[in-house]
Amino acid sequence: MRVYMVASNSGARLVRANHRSQALQFVAAQEYTIRVASQDDLIKCLSEGKAVETAKHPDQTEFNLA
């Protein structure tokens, strides 16, 4: 095990974990919730000007298969 510092705009936390992703998941699970967006969620957020973001790894390559 190692001690990782998990930092965000709201501060930093020290977390003992077996690997980085475990430390990040531990902190994220206490700070955030996640579920599939309903139609009402989409309508509300889009009407507030929130865009749909696409999550992908920075090293992920896109292939044009056309």
N, C-alpha and C. Protein backbone atom coordinates (compact mmCIF):
# COMPACT_ATOMS: atom_id res chain seq x y z
N MET A 1 0.84 -1.19 0.00
CA MET A 1 0.00 0.00 0.00
C MET A 1 0.88 1.25 0.00
N ARG A 2 0.31 2.29 -0.59
CA ARG A 2 0.97 3.60 -0.60
C ARG A 2 -0.03 4.64 -0.12
N VAL A 3 0.48 5.81 0.22
CA VAL A 3 -0.38 6.94 0.56
C VAL A 3 -0.38 7.87 -0.64
N TYR A 4 -1.56 8.13 -1.16
CA TYR A 4 -1.74 9.01 -2.31
C TYR A 4 -2.37 10.32 -1.86
N MET A 5 -1.98 11.42 -2.50
CA MET A 5 -2.65 12.69 -2.27
C MET A 5 -3.63 12.89 -3.42
N VAL A 6 -4.90 12.96 -3.08
CA VAL A 6 -5.96 13.20 -4.06
C VAL A 6 -6.37 14.66 -3.90
N ALA A 7 -6.12 15.46 -4.92
CA ALA A 7 -6.36 16.91 -4.82
C ALA A 7 -7.40 17.36 -5.83
N SER A 8 -8.15 18.39 -5.42
CA SER A 8 -9.13 19.03 -6.31
C SER A 8 -9.13 20.51 -6.01
N ASN A 9 -10.01 21.25 -6.66
CA ASN A 9 -10.12 22.68 -6.40
C ASN A 9 -10.57 22.96 -4.97
N SER A 10 -11.22 21.99 -4.33
CA SER A 10 -11.72 22.20 -2.97
C SER A 10 -10.72 21.77 -1.89
N GLY A 11 -9.57 21.23 -2.28
CA GLY A 11 -8.57 20.85 -1.29
C GLY A 11 -7.91 19.53 -1.63
N ALA A 12 -7.13 19.02 -0.68
CA ALA A 12 -6.39 17.78 -0.88
C ALA A 12 -6.70 16.81 0.25
N ARG A 13 -6.63 15.52 -0.07
CA ARG A 13 -6.83 14.46 0.92
C ARG A 13 -5.74 13.43 0.76
N LEU A 14 -5.32 12.84 1.87
CA LEU A 14 -4.35 11.75 1.86
C LEU A 14 -5.11 10.45 2.03
N VAL A 15 -4.88 9.50 1.12
CA VAL A 15 -5.62 8.24 1.12
C VAL A 15 -4.63 7.08 0.98
N ARG A 16 -4.71 6.12 1.89
CA ARG A 16 -3.90 4.91 1.79
C ARG A 16 -4.65 3.91 0.92
N ALA A 17 -4.00 3.43 -0.14
CA ALA A 17 -4.66 2.52 -1.08
C ALA A 17 -3.61 1.67 -1.79
N ASN A 18 -4.10 0.62 -2.44
CA ASN A 18 -3.21 -0.27 -3.19
C ASN A 18 -2.75 0.34 -4.50
N HIS A 19 -3.57 1.21 -5.11
CA HIS A 19 -3.19 1.86 -6.36
C HIS A 19 -3.96 3.16 -6.53
N ARG A 20 -3.51 3.97 -7.47
CA ARG A 20 -4.05 5.32 -7.69
C ARG A 20 -5.55 5.32 -7.93
N SER A 21 -6.02 4.42 -8.79
CA SER A 21 -7.44 4.41 -9.13
C SER A 21 -8.29 4.06 -7.92
N GLN A 22 -7.78 3.23 -7.02
CA GLN A 22 -8.52 2.90 -5.80
C GLN A 22 -8.64 4.13 -4.91
N ALA A 23 -7.58 4.91 -4.79
CA ALA A 23 -7.61 6.14 -3.99
C ALA A 23 -8.59 7.14 -4.58
N LEU A 24 -8.55 7.32 -5.89
CA LEU A 24 -9.46 8.26 -6.55
C LEU A 24 -10.91 7.81 -6.41
N GLN A 25 -11.17 6.53 -6.59
CA GLN A 25 -12.53 6.01 -6.48
C GLN A 25 -13.06 6.19 -5.06
N PHE A 26 -12.21 5.99 -4.07
CA PHE A 26 -12.60 6.16 -2.67
C PHE A 26 -13.08 7.59 -2.41
N VAL A 27 -12.32 8.57 -2.88
CA VAL A 27 -12.69 9.97 -2.68
C VAL A 27 -13.92 10.33 -3.51
N ALA A 28 -13.95 9.90 -4.76
CA ALA A 28 -15.07 10.23 -5.65
C ALA A 28 -16.39 9.68 -5.12
N ALA A 29 -16.36 8.47 -4.56
CA ALA A 29 -17.59 7.86 -4.04
C ALA A 29 -18.18 8.64 -2.88
N GLN A 30 -17.35 9.39 -2.17
CA GLN A 30 -17.83 10.20 -1.05
C GLN A 30 -18.29 11.58 -1.49
N GLU A 31 -17.86 12.01 -2.66
CA GLU A 31 -18.16 13.36 -3.14
C GLU A 31 -19.24 13.41 -4.20
N TYR A 32 -19.40 12.34 -4.96
CA TYR A 32 -20.27 12.37 -6.13
C TYR A 32 -21.22 11.18 -6.15
N THR A 33 -22.30 11.35 -6.88
CA THR A 33 -23.18 10.24 -7.21
C THR A 33 -23.24 10.16 -8.74
N ILE A 34 -23.62 9.00 -9.25
CA ILE A 34 -23.71 8.85 -10.69
C ILE A 34 -24.87 7.92 -11.03
N ARG A 35 -25.58 8.28 -12.10
CA ARG A 35 -26.67 7.45 -12.61
C ARG A 35 -26.90 7.85 -14.06
N VAL A 36 -27.64 7.06 -14.78
CA VAL A 36 -27.99 7.41 -16.16
C VAL A 36 -28.96 8.58 -16.11
N ALA A 37 -28.73 9.58 -16.95
CA ALA A 37 -29.58 10.76 -16.97
C ALA A 37 -30.96 10.43 -17.53
N SER A 38 -31.99 10.94 -16.87
CA SER A 38 -33.35 10.78 -17.38
C SER A 38 -33.62 11.86 -18.42
N GLN A 39 -34.75 11.74 -19.10
CA GLN A 39 -35.12 12.79 -20.06
C GLN A 39 -35.32 14.12 -19.33
N ASP A 40 -35.91 14.08 -18.15
CA ASP A 40 -36.09 15.32 -17.37
C ASP A 40 -34.75 15.93 -16.98
N ASP A 41 -33.76 15.08 -16.61
CA ASP A 41 -32.42 15.58 -16.30
C ASP A 41 -31.82 16.29 -17.51
N LEU A 42 -31.95 15.66 -18.68
CA LEU A 42 -31.40 16.25 -19.90
C LEU A 42 -32.05 17.58 -20.22
N ILE A 43 -33.37 17.63 -20.15
CA ILE A 43 -34.10 18.87 -20.44
C ILE A 43 -33.66 19.98 -19.49
N LYS A 44 -33.59 19.66 -18.20
CA LYS A 44 -33.22 20.67 -17.19
C LYS A 44 -31.80 21.18 -17.43
N CYS A 45 -30.86 20.27 -17.57
CA CYS A 45 -29.46 20.68 -17.73
C CYS A 45 -29.22 21.43 -19.04
N LEU A 46 -29.78 20.94 -20.13
CA LEU A 46 -29.60 21.62 -21.41
C LEU A 46 -30.23 23.00 -21.41
N SER A 47 -31.39 23.14 -20.75
CA SER A 47 -32.04 24.46 -20.68
C SER A 47 -31.24 25.42 -19.81
N GLU A 48 -30.40 24.89 -18.90
CA GLU A 48 -29.52 25.72 -18.07
C GLU A 48 -28.21 26.03 -18.78
N GLY A 49 -28.06 25.57 -20.02
CA GLY A 49 -26.86 25.85 -20.80
C GLY A 49 -25.72 24.88 -20.59
N LYS A 50 -25.99 23.76 -19.92
CA LYS A 50 -24.95 22.76 -19.71
C LYS A 50 -24.85 21.88 -20.94
N ALA A 51 -23.63 21.69 -21.41
CA ALA A 51 -23.40 20.86 -22.60
C ALA A 51 -23.16 19.41 -22.19
N VAL A 52 -23.39 18.51 -23.12
CA VAL A 52 -23.05 17.10 -22.92
C VAL A 52 -21.56 16.95 -23.23
N GLU A 53 -20.80 16.47 -22.26
CA GLU A 53 -19.36 16.30 -22.42
C GLU A 53 -19.06 14.85 -22.77
N THR A 54 -17.99 14.63 -23.53
CA THR A 54 -17.57 13.28 -23.89
C THR A 54 -16.32 12.94 -23.11
N ALA A 55 -16.39 11.87 -22.32
CA ALA A 55 -15.25 11.44 -21.52
C ALA A 55 -14.45 10.41 -22.31
N LYS A 56 -13.15 10.67 -22.43
CA LYS A 56 -12.26 9.69 -23.04
C LYS A 56 -10.86 9.94 -22.52
N HIS A 57 -10.05 8.92 -22.56
CA HIS A 57 -8.67 9.02 -22.11
C HIS A 57 -7.90 9.91 -23.08
N PRO A 58 -7.03 10.78 -22.58
CA PRO A 58 -6.29 11.68 -23.48
C PRO A 58 -5.47 10.97 -24.54
N ASP A 59 -5.03 9.75 -24.25
CA ASP A 59 -4.22 9.01 -25.22
C ASP A 59 -5.06 8.15 -26.17
N GLN A 60 -6.38 8.19 -26.01
CA GLN A 60 -7.26 7.37 -26.85
C GLN A 60 -7.27 7.91 -28.26
N THR A 61 -7.03 7.03 -29.22
CA THR A 61 -7.01 7.41 -30.62
C THR A 61 -8.37 7.12 -31.26
N GLU A 62 -8.83 8.06 -32.07
CA GLU A 62 -10.08 7.83 -32.79
C GLU A 62 -9.75 7.36 -34.20
N PHE A 63 -10.43 6.33 -34.64
CA PHE A 63 -10.22 5.80 -35.98
C PHE A 63 -11.40 6.18 -36.87
N ASN A 64 -11.10 6.65 -38.06
CA ASN A 64 -12.14 6.97 -39.03
C ASN A 64 -12.35 5.71 -39.89
N LEU A 65 -13.46 5.05 -39.66
CA LEU A 65 -13.72 3.80 -40.35
C LEU A 65 -14.63 3.97 -41.56
N ALA A 66 -14.82 5.19 -42.00
CA ALA A 66 -15.70 5.45 -43.15
C ALA A 66 -15.06 5.08 -44.44
